[in-house]
């Protein structure tokens, strides 16, 4: 008999249901024992990255690791909110995660944007940590990125939240990037 999983309880569709872990796959059952979906682990046995599928095999949700794949620290908004002294399950982060999972990841373009963000954000956090004014930077990110994006999401302005977040992250990434000297300037 396969063991029941504690990892995927948050994804359960039926409070009376249960999960059974079978290797890197977790099967979700309703209270009557009917299979209602599966979650498959990506990125190795210890990864916290999951795709969730309905009973027909269609991917319906994607859950990403919240820690840097490069080992360089947390992602930008998590690092910012933690620097503010807020917990990992604070309202702001939970709102942003739901937005990512339920809105951004529902389109192929949104999935590409999330992947791109996960490529650049650990480096951004590492660069902020090297700055003597990191407290000021995180405060500014909280005021100019996190809070406004959460407000846009709350008011149902999902596209504007996406555009705001994307513009801000691109601008900050450029600001934090090392200055490169072209051969013509040497």
N, C-alpha and C. Protein backbone atom coordinates (compact mmCIF):
# COMPACT_ATOMS: atom_id res chain seq x y z
N UNK A 1 0.85 -1.18 0.00
CA UNK A 1 0.00 0.00 0.00
C UNK A 1 0.89 1.24 0.00
N UNK A 2 0.59 2.18 -0.88
CA UNK A 2 1.35 3.43 -0.96
C UNK A 2 1.01 4.30 0.25
N UNK A 3 1.99 5.09 0.67
CA UNK A 3 1.75 5.93 1.85
C UNK A 3 1.01 7.20 1.48
N UNK A 4 0.23 7.71 2.41
CA UNK A 4 -0.48 8.96 2.21
C UNK A 4 0.49 10.12 2.34
N UNK A 5 0.31 11.12 1.52
CA UNK A 5 1.23 12.24 1.49
C UNK A 5 0.75 13.37 2.38
N UNK A 6 1.69 14.03 3.03
CA UNK A 6 1.38 15.23 3.78
C UNK A 6 1.74 16.46 2.95
N UNK A 7 2.50 16.29 1.87
CA UNK A 7 3.02 17.41 1.10
C UNK A 7 1.96 18.15 0.31
N UNK A 8 0.98 17.47 -0.18
CA UNK A 8 0.05 18.08 -1.11
C UNK A 8 -1.33 18.36 -0.53
N UNK A 9 -1.44 18.40 0.76
CA UNK A 9 -2.75 18.60 1.39
C UNK A 9 -3.41 19.91 0.94
N UNK A 10 -2.63 20.93 0.67
CA UNK A 10 -3.20 22.23 0.27
C UNK A 10 -3.87 22.16 -1.09
N UNK A 11 -3.52 21.18 -1.89
CA UNK A 11 -4.10 21.08 -3.23
C UNK A 11 -5.34 20.18 -3.26
N UNK A 12 -5.69 19.60 -2.15
CA UNK A 12 -6.81 18.68 -2.12
C UNK A 12 -8.10 19.42 -2.44
N UNK A 13 -8.90 18.87 -3.33
CA UNK A 13 -10.15 19.50 -3.75
C UNK A 13 -11.31 19.19 -2.81
N UNK A 14 -11.21 18.15 -2.05
CA UNK A 14 -12.31 17.69 -1.22
C UNK A 14 -11.81 17.52 0.21
N UNK A 15 -12.36 18.27 1.17
CA UNK A 15 -11.86 18.17 2.54
C UNK A 15 -11.94 16.77 3.13
N UNK A 16 -12.80 15.94 2.59
CA UNK A 16 -12.90 14.57 3.08
C UNK A 16 -12.03 13.61 2.31
N UNK A 17 -11.32 14.13 1.32
CA UNK A 17 -10.49 13.29 0.46
C UNK A 17 -9.13 13.01 1.07
N UNK A 18 -8.31 12.35 0.30
CA UNK A 18 -6.97 12.01 0.75
C UNK A 18 -6.04 11.89 -0.44
N UNK A 19 -4.75 11.82 -0.14
CA UNK A 19 -3.72 11.71 -1.15
C UNK A 19 -2.91 10.45 -0.91
N UNK A 20 -2.42 9.86 -1.99
CA UNK A 20 -1.52 8.72 -1.89
C UNK A 20 -0.28 9.05 -2.71
N UNK A 21 0.88 8.93 -2.06
CA UNK A 21 2.14 9.22 -2.73
C UNK A 21 2.66 7.94 -3.37
N UNK A 22 2.97 8.03 -4.65
CA UNK A 22 3.55 6.90 -5.39
C UNK A 22 4.79 7.42 -6.11
N UNK A 23 5.95 7.33 -5.44
CA UNK A 23 7.18 7.85 -6.02
C UNK A 23 7.10 9.36 -6.15
N UNK A 24 7.30 9.86 -7.37
CA UNK A 24 7.25 11.31 -7.59
C UNK A 24 5.86 11.77 -8.01
N UNK A 25 4.86 10.90 -7.91
CA UNK A 25 3.48 11.25 -8.24
C UNK A 25 2.62 11.13 -7.00
N UNK A 26 1.72 12.09 -6.84
CA UNK A 26 0.74 12.02 -5.75
C UNK A 26 -0.63 11.96 -6.39
N UNK A 27 -1.40 10.96 -6.01
CA UNK A 27 -2.77 10.81 -6.51
C UNK A 27 -3.72 11.42 -5.50
N UNK A 28 -4.68 12.21 -6.00
CA UNK A 28 -5.66 12.88 -5.15
C UNK A 28 -7.01 12.16 -5.30
N UNK A 29 -7.60 11.77 -4.18
CA UNK A 29 -8.88 11.06 -4.18
C UNK A 29 -9.92 11.84 -3.39
N UNK A 30 -11.17 11.75 -3.82
CA UNK A 30 -12.24 12.36 -3.04
C UNK A 30 -12.61 11.43 -1.89
N UNK A 31 -13.57 11.85 -1.08
CA UNK A 31 -13.93 11.06 0.11
C UNK A 31 -14.51 9.70 -0.22
N UNK A 32 -14.99 9.51 -1.47
CA UNK A 32 -15.54 8.22 -1.89
C UNK A 32 -14.50 7.32 -2.53
N UNK A 33 -13.25 7.79 -2.61
CA UNK A 33 -12.19 6.98 -3.17
C UNK A 33 -12.02 7.12 -4.68
N UNK A 34 -12.68 8.12 -5.27
CA UNK A 34 -12.55 8.35 -6.71
C UNK A 34 -11.33 9.22 -6.99
N UNK A 35 -10.51 8.82 -7.97
CA UNK A 35 -9.35 9.60 -8.36
C UNK A 35 -9.83 10.92 -8.95
N UNK A 36 -9.37 12.04 -8.39
CA UNK A 36 -9.78 13.36 -8.89
C UNK A 36 -8.63 14.13 -9.52
N UNK A 37 -7.43 13.60 -9.48
CA UNK A 37 -6.30 14.28 -10.10
C UNK A 37 -4.99 13.73 -9.58
N UNK A 38 -3.91 14.22 -10.18
CA UNK A 38 -2.57 13.81 -9.79
C UNK A 38 -1.66 15.03 -9.77
N UNK A 39 -0.62 14.94 -8.97
CA UNK A 39 0.45 15.93 -8.97
C UNK A 39 1.74 15.19 -9.24
N UNK A 40 2.55 15.76 -10.12
CA UNK A 40 3.82 15.13 -10.46
C UNK A 40 4.96 16.07 -10.12
N UNK A 41 5.94 15.52 -9.43
CA UNK A 41 7.10 16.28 -9.01
C UNK A 41 8.03 16.47 -10.20
N UNK A 42 8.58 17.70 -10.31
CA UNK A 42 9.56 17.99 -11.34
C UNK A 42 10.88 18.30 -10.67
N UNK A 43 11.97 18.10 -11.35
CA UNK A 43 13.27 18.54 -10.87
C UNK A 43 13.90 17.67 -9.81
N UNK A 44 13.56 16.41 -9.74
CA UNK A 44 14.22 15.51 -8.80
C UNK A 44 13.41 15.25 -7.55
N UNK A 45 13.80 14.23 -6.85
CA UNK A 45 13.05 13.71 -5.71
C UNK A 45 12.84 14.74 -4.60
N UNK A 46 13.81 15.62 -4.36
CA UNK A 46 13.69 16.58 -3.26
C UNK A 46 13.17 17.94 -3.70
N UNK A 47 12.78 18.03 -4.94
CA UNK A 47 12.28 19.30 -5.47
C UNK A 47 10.91 19.61 -4.90
N UNK A 48 10.62 20.91 -4.77
CA UNK A 48 9.30 21.36 -4.35
C UNK A 48 8.55 21.95 -5.55
N UNK A 49 8.86 21.46 -6.74
CA UNK A 49 8.20 21.93 -7.95
C UNK A 49 7.24 20.84 -8.42
N UNK A 50 5.98 21.23 -8.62
CA UNK A 50 4.94 20.26 -8.93
C UNK A 50 4.05 20.75 -10.05
N UNK A 51 3.59 19.83 -10.87
CA UNK A 51 2.52 20.09 -11.82
C UNK A 51 1.32 19.30 -11.33
N UNK A 52 0.15 19.91 -11.34
CA UNK A 52 -1.07 19.21 -10.93
C UNK A 52 -1.93 18.97 -12.16
N UNK A 53 -2.45 17.78 -12.27
CA UNK A 53 -3.26 17.36 -13.42
C UNK A 53 -4.64 16.95 -12.94
N UNK A 54 -5.66 17.19 -13.79
CA UNK A 54 -7.00 16.72 -13.44
C UNK A 54 -7.11 15.23 -13.77
N UNK A 55 -8.30 14.67 -13.57
CA UNK A 55 -8.46 13.24 -13.80
C UNK A 55 -8.36 12.85 -15.27
N UNK A 56 -8.37 13.83 -16.18
CA UNK A 56 -8.22 13.56 -17.62
C UNK A 56 -6.77 13.70 -18.08
N UNK A 57 -5.88 14.11 -17.18
CA UNK A 57 -4.47 14.25 -17.51
C UNK A 57 -4.08 15.65 -17.96
N UNK A 58 -4.99 16.62 -17.92
CA UNK A 58 -4.69 17.99 -18.32
C UNK A 58 -4.07 18.75 -17.14
N UNK A 59 -2.94 19.45 -17.40
CA UNK A 59 -2.31 20.22 -16.32
C UNK A 59 -3.21 21.38 -15.94
N UNK A 60 -3.51 21.50 -14.66
CA UNK A 60 -4.40 22.55 -14.19
C UNK A 60 -3.70 23.52 -13.24
N UNK A 61 -2.53 23.18 -12.76
CA UNK A 61 -1.85 24.06 -11.83
C UNK A 61 -0.38 23.70 -11.80
N UNK A 62 0.44 24.70 -11.52
CA UNK A 62 1.88 24.49 -11.41
C UNK A 62 2.33 25.15 -10.12
N UNK A 63 3.10 24.45 -9.34
CA UNK A 63 3.63 25.00 -8.10
C UNK A 63 5.13 25.04 -8.22
N UNK A 64 5.71 26.21 -7.93
CA UNK A 64 7.14 26.39 -8.05
C UNK A 64 7.83 26.44 -6.71
N UNK A 65 9.08 26.05 -6.74
CA UNK A 65 9.95 26.17 -5.60
C UNK A 65 10.07 27.64 -5.23
N UNK A 66 10.02 27.97 -3.96
CA UNK A 66 10.11 29.36 -3.53
C UNK A 66 11.54 29.75 -3.19
N UNK A 67 12.47 28.83 -3.28
CA UNK A 67 13.85 29.16 -2.98
C UNK A 67 14.66 29.14 -4.26
N UNK A 68 15.75 29.82 -4.24
CA UNK A 68 16.59 29.94 -5.42
C UNK A 68 17.14 28.61 -5.86
N UNK A 69 17.07 28.33 -7.16
CA UNK A 69 17.65 27.11 -7.69
C UNK A 69 19.17 27.19 -7.63
N UNK A 70 19.72 28.40 -7.64
CA UNK A 70 21.16 28.56 -7.63
C UNK A 70 21.71 28.54 -6.20
N UNK A 71 20.84 28.46 -5.22
CA UNK A 71 21.28 28.48 -3.83
C UNK A 71 21.64 29.87 -3.36
N UNK A 72 21.31 30.91 -4.17
CA UNK A 72 21.73 32.27 -3.87
C UNK A 72 20.74 33.03 -3.01
N UNK A 73 19.78 32.40 -2.41
CA UNK A 73 18.85 33.10 -1.54
C UNK A 73 17.43 33.05 -2.07
N UNK A 74 16.58 33.84 -1.46
CA UNK A 74 15.16 33.87 -1.81
C UNK A 74 14.92 34.70 -3.06
N UNK A 75 13.76 34.57 -3.59
CA UNK A 75 13.39 35.41 -4.72
C UNK A 75 13.11 36.81 -4.22
N UNK A 76 13.08 37.73 -5.15
CA UNK A 76 13.03 39.15 -4.86
C UNK A 76 11.93 39.56 -3.89
N UNK A 77 10.67 39.26 -4.20
CA UNK A 77 9.59 39.72 -3.32
C UNK A 77 9.63 39.02 -1.96
N UNK A 78 10.01 37.75 -1.94
CA UNK A 78 10.12 37.04 -0.67
C UNK A 78 11.22 37.67 0.17
N UNK A 79 12.36 37.94 -0.45
CA UNK A 79 13.46 38.57 0.29
C UNK A 79 13.04 39.94 0.81
N UNK A 80 12.34 40.69 -0.02
CA UNK A 80 11.88 42.03 0.36
C UNK A 80 10.93 41.96 1.55
N UNK A 81 9.94 41.09 1.47
CA UNK A 81 8.94 40.98 2.54
C UNK A 81 9.57 40.45 3.82
N UNK A 82 10.48 39.49 3.69
CA UNK A 82 11.16 38.98 4.88
C UNK A 82 11.99 40.09 5.52
N UNK A 83 12.60 40.93 4.71
CA UNK A 83 13.39 42.04 5.24
C UNK A 83 12.50 43.00 6.01
N UNK A 84 11.22 43.07 5.63
CA UNK A 84 10.25 43.90 6.34
C UNK A 84 9.83 43.26 7.67
N UNK A 85 10.28 42.03 7.91
CA UNK A 85 9.93 41.33 9.14
C UNK A 85 8.63 40.57 9.07
N UNK A 86 8.11 40.37 7.86
CA UNK A 86 6.86 39.64 7.69
C UNK A 86 7.14 38.16 7.44
N UNK A 87 6.24 37.27 7.84
CA UNK A 87 6.46 35.83 7.66
C UNK A 87 6.28 35.40 6.20
N UNK A 88 6.75 34.20 5.89
CA UNK A 88 6.66 33.64 4.55
C UNK A 88 5.20 33.46 4.10
N UNK A 89 4.30 33.34 5.05
CA UNK A 89 2.88 33.17 4.69
C UNK A 89 2.08 34.47 4.88
N UNK A 90 2.77 35.61 4.81
CA UNK A 90 2.07 36.89 4.98
C UNK A 90 1.08 37.13 3.83
N UNK A 91 0.17 38.04 4.05
CA UNK A 91 -0.87 38.33 3.07
C UNK A 91 -0.29 38.70 1.71
N UNK A 92 0.74 39.53 1.70
CA UNK A 92 1.31 39.99 0.44
C UNK A 92 1.86 38.83 -0.38
N UNK A 93 2.67 37.98 0.25
CA UNK A 93 3.26 36.85 -0.49
C UNK A 93 2.20 35.85 -0.92
N UNK A 94 1.24 35.58 -0.06
CA UNK A 94 0.18 34.63 -0.43
C UNK A 94 -0.63 35.18 -1.61
N UNK A 95 -0.90 36.48 -1.61
CA UNK A 95 -1.63 37.10 -2.72
C UNK A 95 -0.83 36.98 -4.01
N UNK A 96 0.46 37.30 -3.96
CA UNK A 96 1.31 37.21 -5.14
C UNK A 96 1.45 35.77 -5.63
N UNK A 97 1.53 34.81 -4.72
CA UNK A 97 1.64 33.41 -5.13
C UNK A 97 0.36 32.91 -5.78
N UNK A 98 -0.79 33.30 -5.22
CA UNK A 98 -2.07 32.90 -5.84
C UNK A 98 -2.19 33.51 -7.24
N UNK A 99 -1.78 34.76 -7.37
CA UNK A 99 -1.80 35.44 -8.66
C UNK A 99 -0.91 34.70 -9.66
N UNK A 100 0.28 34.36 -9.23
CA UNK A 100 1.20 33.60 -10.10
C UNK A 100 0.59 32.27 -10.51
N UNK A 101 0.12 31.51 -9.52
CA UNK A 101 -0.38 30.16 -9.79
C UNK A 101 -1.68 30.15 -10.58
N UNK A 102 -2.59 31.06 -10.27
CA UNK A 102 -3.92 31.02 -10.87
C UNK A 102 -4.10 31.92 -12.08
N UNK A 103 -3.24 32.93 -12.22
CA UNK A 103 -3.39 33.85 -13.35
C UNK A 103 -2.22 33.73 -14.33
N UNK A 104 -1.02 34.01 -13.86
CA UNK A 104 0.13 34.00 -14.77
C UNK A 104 0.37 32.63 -15.39
N UNK A 105 0.31 31.60 -14.58
CA UNK A 105 0.63 30.27 -15.09
C UNK A 105 -0.49 29.65 -15.92
N UNK A 106 -1.57 30.38 -16.10
CA UNK A 106 -2.67 29.85 -16.91
C UNK A 106 -2.45 30.06 -18.41
N UNK A 107 -1.40 30.81 -18.78
CA UNK A 107 -1.09 31.03 -20.19
C UNK A 107 0.36 30.66 -20.45
N UNK A 108 0.67 30.31 -21.70
CA UNK A 108 2.06 29.97 -22.03
C UNK A 108 2.96 31.19 -21.90
N UNK A 109 2.44 32.38 -22.25
CA UNK A 109 3.23 33.61 -22.09
C UNK A 109 3.54 33.86 -20.61
N UNK A 110 2.55 33.69 -19.77
CA UNK A 110 2.75 33.86 -18.33
C UNK A 110 3.75 32.86 -17.77
N UNK A 111 3.70 31.62 -18.26
CA UNK A 111 4.65 30.60 -17.81
C UNK A 111 6.07 31.00 -18.19
N UNK A 112 6.24 31.55 -19.39
CA UNK A 112 7.57 32.00 -19.83
C UNK A 112 8.06 33.16 -18.97
N UNK A 113 7.14 34.06 -18.62
CA UNK A 113 7.52 35.19 -17.78
C UNK A 113 7.97 34.73 -16.39
N UNK A 114 7.25 33.76 -15.83
CA UNK A 114 7.61 33.24 -14.51
C UNK A 114 8.98 32.56 -14.58
N UNK A 115 9.20 31.78 -15.62
CA UNK A 115 10.50 31.12 -15.78
C UNK A 115 11.62 32.16 -15.90
N UNK A 116 11.37 33.20 -16.68
CA UNK A 116 12.35 34.27 -16.86
C UNK A 116 12.65 34.95 -15.52
N UNK A 117 11.59 35.24 -14.76
CA UNK A 117 11.76 35.86 -13.44
C UNK A 117 12.60 34.97 -12.53
N UNK A 118 12.35 33.66 -12.57
CA UNK A 118 13.11 32.74 -11.72
C UNK A 118 14.55 32.60 -12.17
N UNK A 119 14.86 33.01 -13.39
CA UNK A 119 16.24 33.01 -13.85
C UNK A 119 17.00 34.23 -13.32
N UNK A 120 16.35 35.39 -13.29
CA UNK A 120 17.07 36.62 -12.93
C UNK A 120 16.96 37.02 -11.47
N UNK A 121 15.88 36.65 -10.80
CA UNK A 121 15.66 37.18 -9.45
C UNK A 121 16.67 36.72 -8.41
N UNK A 122 17.17 35.48 -8.43
CA UNK A 122 18.18 35.13 -7.42
C UNK A 122 19.44 36.00 -7.53
N UNK A 123 19.84 36.31 -8.76
CA UNK A 123 21.01 37.17 -8.97
C UNK A 123 20.72 38.58 -8.46
N UNK A 124 19.50 39.06 -8.69
CA UNK A 124 19.13 40.38 -8.20
C UNK A 124 19.23 40.44 -6.69
N UNK A 125 18.72 39.42 -6.02
CA UNK A 125 18.77 39.38 -4.55
C UNK A 125 20.22 39.34 -4.07
N UNK A 126 21.05 38.54 -4.75
CA UNK A 126 22.47 38.49 -4.38
C UNK A 126 23.13 39.86 -4.53
N UNK A 127 22.79 40.59 -5.58
CA UNK A 127 23.37 41.92 -5.80
C UNK A 127 22.89 42.91 -4.74
N UNK A 128 21.63 42.80 -4.36
CA UNK A 128 21.11 43.68 -3.30
C UNK A 128 21.84 43.42 -1.99
N UNK A 129 22.09 42.14 -1.69
CA UNK A 129 22.78 41.79 -0.44
C UNK A 129 24.18 42.38 -0.37
N UNK A 130 24.78 42.65 -1.51
CA UNK A 130 26.13 43.21 -1.56
C UNK A 130 26.14 44.72 -1.36
N UNK A 131 24.99 45.33 -1.38
CA UNK A 131 24.89 46.79 -1.26
C UNK A 131 24.82 47.21 0.21
N UNK A 132 25.46 48.31 0.50
CA UNK A 132 25.42 48.82 1.88
C UNK A 132 24.05 49.41 2.21
N UNK A 133 23.28 49.78 1.20
CA UNK A 133 21.96 50.37 1.41
C UNK A 133 20.82 49.38 1.13
N UNK A 134 21.06 48.09 1.42
CA UNK A 134 20.05 47.09 1.11
C UNK A 134 18.72 47.34 1.83
N UNK A 135 18.77 47.88 3.03
CA UNK A 135 17.52 48.18 3.75
C UNK A 135 16.69 49.20 2.97
N UNK A 136 17.35 50.22 2.44
CA UNK A 136 16.65 51.22 1.64
C UNK A 136 16.09 50.61 0.35
N UNK A 137 16.87 49.76 -0.27
CA UNK A 137 16.43 49.11 -1.52
C UNK A 137 15.19 48.25 -1.26
N UNK A 138 15.23 47.42 -0.21
CA UNK A 138 14.08 46.57 0.09
C UNK A 138 12.84 47.38 0.46
N UNK A 139 13.05 48.47 1.20
CA UNK A 139 11.92 49.34 1.55
C UNK A 139 11.29 49.93 0.29
N UNK A 140 12.14 50.37 -0.63
CA UNK A 140 11.66 50.94 -1.89
C UNK A 140 10.92 49.88 -2.72
N UNK A 141 11.46 48.66 -2.77
CA UNK A 141 10.81 47.57 -3.51
C UNK A 141 9.44 47.28 -2.91
N UNK A 142 9.38 47.26 -1.59
CA UNK A 142 8.10 47.00 -0.92
C UNK A 142 7.09 48.08 -1.28
N UNK A 143 7.51 49.34 -1.20
CA UNK A 143 6.60 50.45 -1.45
C UNK A 143 6.23 50.60 -2.93
N UNK A 144 7.18 50.35 -3.82
CA UNK A 144 6.95 50.62 -5.24
C UNK A 144 6.56 49.39 -6.06
N UNK A 145 6.83 48.20 -5.53
CA UNK A 145 6.50 46.98 -6.28
C UNK A 145 5.47 46.11 -5.57
N UNK A 146 5.80 45.67 -4.37
CA UNK A 146 4.95 44.71 -3.68
C UNK A 146 3.58 45.31 -3.37
N UNK A 147 3.54 46.40 -2.63
CA UNK A 147 2.25 46.98 -2.24
C UNK A 147 1.38 47.37 -3.44
N UNK A 148 1.91 48.09 -4.44
CA UNK A 148 1.05 48.45 -5.58
C UNK A 148 0.56 47.23 -6.37
N UNK A 149 1.42 46.22 -6.51
CA UNK A 149 1.01 45.02 -7.25
C UNK A 149 -0.11 44.30 -6.51
N UNK A 150 0.00 44.19 -5.20
CA UNK A 150 -1.05 43.54 -4.40
C UNK A 150 -2.35 44.33 -4.53
N UNK A 151 -2.28 45.65 -4.49
CA UNK A 151 -3.50 46.46 -4.63
C UNK A 151 -4.15 46.26 -6.00
N UNK A 152 -3.33 46.19 -7.05
CA UNK A 152 -3.88 45.96 -8.40
C UNK A 152 -4.55 44.58 -8.48
N UNK A 153 -3.94 43.58 -7.89
CA UNK A 153 -4.52 42.23 -7.88
C UNK A 153 -5.84 42.25 -7.12
N UNK A 154 -5.86 42.88 -5.95
CA UNK A 154 -7.08 42.96 -5.14
C UNK A 154 -8.23 43.62 -5.91
N UNK A 155 -7.90 44.58 -6.75
CA UNK A 155 -8.95 45.30 -7.48
C UNK A 155 -9.27 44.64 -8.82
N UNK A 156 -8.69 43.45 -9.06
CA UNK A 156 -9.00 42.70 -10.27
C UNK A 156 -8.29 43.20 -11.52
N UNK A 157 -7.31 44.06 -11.36
CA UNK A 157 -6.56 44.60 -12.50
C UNK A 157 -5.33 43.73 -12.77
N UNK A 158 -5.60 42.49 -13.16
CA UNK A 158 -4.54 41.50 -13.32
C UNK A 158 -3.53 41.86 -14.40
N UNK A 159 -3.98 42.36 -15.53
CA UNK A 159 -3.05 42.73 -16.60
C UNK A 159 -2.18 43.91 -16.18
N UNK A 160 -2.78 44.89 -15.53
CA UNK A 160 -1.99 46.04 -15.06
C UNK A 160 -1.00 45.59 -13.99
N UNK A 161 -1.38 44.65 -13.12
CA UNK A 161 -0.46 44.11 -12.12
C UNK A 161 0.72 43.44 -12.81
N UNK A 162 0.44 42.68 -13.86
CA UNK A 162 1.49 42.01 -14.62
C UNK A 162 2.44 43.03 -15.25
N UNK A 163 1.88 44.04 -15.92
CA UNK A 163 2.72 45.05 -16.58
C UNK A 163 3.56 45.82 -15.57
N UNK A 164 2.95 46.20 -14.45
CA UNK A 164 3.67 46.94 -13.41
C UNK A 164 4.84 46.11 -12.87
N UNK A 165 4.56 44.87 -12.53
CA UNK A 165 5.57 43.99 -11.96
C UNK A 165 6.71 43.79 -12.96
N UNK A 166 6.36 43.51 -14.20
CA UNK A 166 7.36 43.26 -15.22
C UNK A 166 8.25 44.48 -15.45
N UNK A 167 7.64 45.66 -15.62
CA UNK A 167 8.42 46.88 -15.84
C UNK A 167 9.35 47.16 -14.66
N UNK A 168 8.82 47.01 -13.45
CA UNK A 168 9.62 47.30 -12.28
C UNK A 168 10.81 46.35 -12.17
N UNK A 169 10.58 45.06 -12.35
CA UNK A 169 11.65 44.07 -12.22
C UNK A 169 12.71 44.30 -13.31
N UNK A 170 12.26 44.57 -14.54
CA UNK A 170 13.23 44.85 -15.61
C UNK A 170 14.08 46.08 -15.28
N UNK A 171 13.43 47.14 -14.81
CA UNK A 171 14.15 48.36 -14.46
C UNK A 171 15.13 48.11 -13.32
N UNK A 172 14.68 47.42 -12.29
CA UNK A 172 15.55 47.13 -11.15
C UNK A 172 16.71 46.24 -11.57
N UNK A 173 16.44 45.26 -12.41
CA UNK A 173 17.51 44.39 -12.89
C UNK A 173 18.57 45.19 -13.64
N UNK A 174 18.14 46.12 -14.48
CA UNK A 174 19.09 46.97 -15.20
C UNK A 174 19.89 47.85 -14.23
N UNK A 175 19.19 48.36 -13.22
CA UNK A 175 19.84 49.22 -12.23
C UNK A 175 20.89 48.45 -11.43
N UNK A 176 20.61 47.19 -11.13
CA UNK A 176 21.51 46.38 -10.31
C UNK A 176 22.62 45.71 -11.11
N UNK A 177 22.46 45.65 -12.43
CA UNK A 177 23.45 44.97 -13.27
C UNK A 177 24.75 45.75 -13.28
N UNK A 178 25.86 45.01 -13.33
CA UNK A 178 27.15 45.69 -13.40
C UNK A 178 27.25 46.50 -14.69
N UNK A 179 27.92 47.63 -14.61
CA UNK A 179 28.11 48.48 -15.78
C UNK A 179 29.11 47.79 -16.70
N UNK A 180 28.75 47.70 -17.97
CA UNK A 180 29.63 47.07 -18.94
C UNK A 180 30.20 48.14 -19.85
N UNK A 181 31.47 48.06 -20.05
CA UNK A 181 32.15 49.03 -20.90
C UNK A 181 32.31 48.40 -22.28
N UNK A 182 31.84 49.10 -23.30
CA UNK A 182 31.98 48.58 -24.66
C UNK A 182 33.41 48.84 -25.14
N UNK A 183 33.83 48.12 -26.17
CA UNK A 183 35.19 48.28 -26.70
C UNK A 183 35.42 49.69 -27.22
N UNK A 184 34.39 50.34 -27.72
CA UNK A 184 34.53 51.70 -28.24
C UNK A 184 34.82 52.71 -27.14
N UNK A 185 34.39 52.40 -25.89
CA UNK A 185 34.59 53.33 -24.78
C UNK A 185 35.92 53.15 -24.09
N UNK A 186 36.62 52.05 -24.39
CA UNK A 186 37.88 51.77 -23.69
C UNK A 186 38.99 52.65 -24.11
